[in-house]
């Protein structure tokens, strides 16, 4: 099991988002808010991992596709490079 405290000295950023909590936030909205960070990360060879429902995955991929239009990257390139991992159900 991944423990956040084990990642303190790693180059890792974890963003949690909960749409069914009191302060609901949708993952797509968080991706838009973090778009500059995501572009910097992807350009530097970093990875994005998406975990959750299939409906959320589709929304996030739509937003990522729009964000990536600012670069020479695409979803297919990220997937083929191992920079985009998904575990959705």
C-alpha atoms as a PDB file:
ATOM      1  CA  UNK A   1       0.000   0.000   0.000  1.00  0.00           C
ATOM      2  CA  UNK A   2       1.251   3.464  -0.930  1.00  0.00           C
ATOM      3  CA  UNK A   3       1.945   5.567   2.138  1.00  0.00           C
ATOM      4  CA  UNK A   4       2.206   9.300   1.627  1.00  0.00           C
ATOM      5  CA  UNK A   5       4.767   9.697   4.396  1.00  0.00           C
ATOM      6  CA  UNK A   6       7.117   7.431   2.402  1.00  0.00           C
ATOM      7  CA  UNK A   7       7.029   9.916  -0.481  1.00  0.00           C
ATOM      8  CA  UNK A   8       8.235  13.009   1.388  1.00  0.00           C
ATOM      9  CA  UNK A   9      11.657  12.937  -0.227  1.00  0.00           C
ATOM     10  CA  UNK A  10      10.458  11.835  -3.653  1.00  0.00           C
ATOM     11  CA  UNK A  11       9.474  13.988  -6.606  1.00  0.00           C
ATOM     12  CA  UNK A  12       5.799  13.088  -6.229  1.00  0.00           C
ATOM     13  CA  UNK A  13       2.661  15.209  -6.030  1.00  0.00           C
ATOM     14  CA  UNK A  14      -0.649  13.617  -5.093  1.00  0.00           C
ATOM     15  CA  UNK A  15      -3.911  15.452  -5.703  1.00  0.00           C
ATOM     16  CA  UNK A  16      -7.059  14.073  -4.093  1.00  0.00           C
ATOM     17  CA  UNK A  17     -10.489  15.125  -5.216  1.00  0.00           C
ATOM     18  CA  UNK A  18     -13.840  14.028  -3.799  1.00  0.00           C
ATOM     19  CA  UNK A  19     -17.115  14.835  -5.539  1.00  0.00           C
ATOM     20  CA  UNK A  20     -19.320  13.284  -2.862  1.00  0.00           C
ATOM     21  CA  UNK A  21     -17.926  15.105   0.163  1.00  0.00           C
ATOM     22  CA  UNK A  22     -19.184  18.289   1.778  1.00  0.00           C
ATOM     23  CA  UNK A  23     -16.704  20.459  -0.133  1.00  0.00           C
ATOM     24  CA  UNK A  24     -17.256  18.669  -3.422  1.00  0.00           C
ATOM     25  CA  UNK A  25     -14.817  19.162  -6.236  1.00  0.00           C
ATOM     26  CA  UNK A  26     -14.720  17.330  -9.527  1.00  0.00           C
ATOM     27  CA  UNK A  27     -11.469  15.937 -10.858  1.00  0.00           C
ATOM     28  CA  UNK A  28     -11.941  17.729 -14.181  1.00  0.00           C
ATOM     29  CA  UNK A  29     -12.062  21.051 -12.318  1.00  0.00           C
ATOM     30  CA  UNK A  30      -8.886  20.208 -10.401  1.00  0.00           C
ATOM     31  CA  UNK A  31      -7.124  19.303 -13.661  1.00  0.00           C
ATOM     32  CA  UNK A  32      -8.096  22.683 -15.125  1.00  0.00           C
ATOM     33  CA  UNK A  33      -6.846  24.464 -11.979  1.00  0.00           C
ATOM     34  CA  UNK A  34      -3.546  22.576 -12.149  1.00  0.00           C
ATOM     35  CA  UNK A  35      -3.099  22.821 -15.934  1.00  0.00           C
ATOM     36  CA  UNK A  36       0.190  24.781 -15.762  1.00  0.00           C
ATOM     37  CA  UNK A  37       1.654  22.243 -13.322  1.00  0.00           C
ATOM     38  CA  UNK A  38       0.440  19.365 -15.496  1.00  0.00           C
ATOM     39  CA  UNK A  39       2.006  20.850 -18.633  1.00  0.00           C
ATOM     40  CA  UNK A  40       5.308  21.450 -16.830  1.00  0.00           C
ATOM     41  CA  UNK A  41       5.229  17.892 -15.453  1.00  0.00           C
ATOM     42  CA  UNK A  42       4.418  16.241 -18.780  1.00  0.00           C
ATOM     43  CA  UNK A  43       6.989  18.307 -20.674  1.00  0.00           C
ATOM     44  CA  UNK A  44       9.654  17.230 -18.170  1.00  0.00           C
ATOM     45  CA  UNK A  45       8.753  13.562 -18.702  1.00  0.00           C
ATOM     46  CA  UNK A  46       6.539  13.186 -15.630  1.00  0.00           C
ATOM     47  CA  UNK A  47       3.561  10.873 -15.407  1.00  0.00           C
ATOM     48  CA  UNK A  48      -0.133  11.286 -14.692  1.00  0.00           C
ATOM     49  CA  UNK A  49      -2.092   8.529 -12.963  1.00  0.00           C
ATOM     50  CA  UNK A  50      -5.896   8.558 -13.052  1.00  0.00           C
ATOM     51  CA  UNK A  51      -7.835   6.276 -10.705  1.00  0.00           C
ATOM     52  CA  UNK A  52     -11.594   6.159 -10.250  1.00  0.00           C
ATOM     53  CA  UNK A  53     -14.802   5.689 -12.197  1.00  0.00           C
ATOM     54  CA  UNK A  54     -14.986   5.391 -15.979  1.00  0.00           C
ATOM     55  CA  UNK A  55     -17.267   8.428 -16.234  1.00  0.00           C
ATOM     56  CA  UNK A  56     -14.698  10.509 -14.329  1.00  0.00           C
ATOM     57  CA  UNK A  57     -11.933   9.120 -16.547  1.00  0.00           C
ATOM     58  CA  UNK A  58     -13.721  10.257 -19.720  1.00  0.00           C
ATOM     59  CA  UNK A  59     -14.208  13.772 -18.331  1.00  0.00           C
ATOM     60  CA  UNK A  60     -10.572  14.025 -17.235  1.00  0.00           C
ATOM     61  CA  UNK A  61      -9.288  12.768 -20.583  1.00  0.00           C
ATOM     62  CA  UNK A  62     -11.411  15.389 -22.385  1.00  0.00           C
ATOM     63  CA  UNK A  63      -9.869  18.147 -20.246  1.00  0.00           C
ATOM     64  CA  UNK A  64      -6.337  16.742 -20.610  1.00  0.00           C
ATOM     65  CA  UNK A  65      -6.774  16.629 -24.374  1.00  0.00           C
ATOM     66  CA  UNK A  66      -7.638  20.345 -24.385  1.00  0.00           C
ATOM     67  CA  UNK A  67      -4.682  21.199 -22.133  1.00  0.00           C
ATOM     68  CA  UNK A  68      -2.276  19.195 -24.293  1.00  0.00           C
ATOM     69  CA  UNK A  69      -3.212  21.238 -27.384  1.00  0.00           C
ATOM     70  CA  UNK A  70      -0.754  23.831 -26.025  1.00  0.00           C
ATOM     71  CA  UNK A  71       2.089  21.311 -26.551  1.00  0.00           C
ATOM     72  CA  UNK A  72       3.320  18.831 -29.119  1.00  0.00           C
ATOM     73  CA  UNK A  73       1.981  16.003 -26.905  1.00  0.00           C
ATOM     74  CA  UNK A  74      -1.277  14.069 -27.222  1.00  0.00           C
ATOM     75  CA  UNK A  75      -3.050  11.487 -25.098  1.00  0.00           C
ATOM     76  CA  UNK A  76      -1.770   8.746 -27.407  1.00  0.00           C
ATOM     77  CA  UNK A  77       1.813   9.948 -27.035  1.00  0.00           C
ATOM     78  CA  UNK A  78       1.497  10.054 -23.238  1.00  0.00           C
ATOM     79  CA  UNK A  79       0.028   6.548 -23.143  1.00  0.00           C
ATOM     80  CA  UNK A  80       2.698   5.149 -25.486  1.00  0.00           C
ATOM     81  CA  UNK A  81       5.470   6.835 -23.469  1.00  0.00           C
ATOM     82  CA  UNK A  82       4.098   5.429 -20.218  1.00  0.00           C
ATOM     83  CA  UNK A  83       3.339   8.955 -18.981  1.00  0.00           C
ATOM     84  CA  UNK A  84      -0.410   8.374 -18.651  1.00  0.00           C
ATOM     85  CA  UNK A  85      -1.580   5.476 -16.513  1.00  0.00           C
ATOM     86  CA  UNK A  86      -5.199   4.695 -15.742  1.00  0.00           C
ATOM     87  CA  UNK A  87      -6.908   2.358 -13.289  1.00  0.00           C
ATOM     88  CA  UNK A  88     -10.590   3.050 -13.788  1.00  0.00           C
ATOM     89  CA  UNK A  89     -13.638   0.868 -13.351  1.00  0.00           C
END
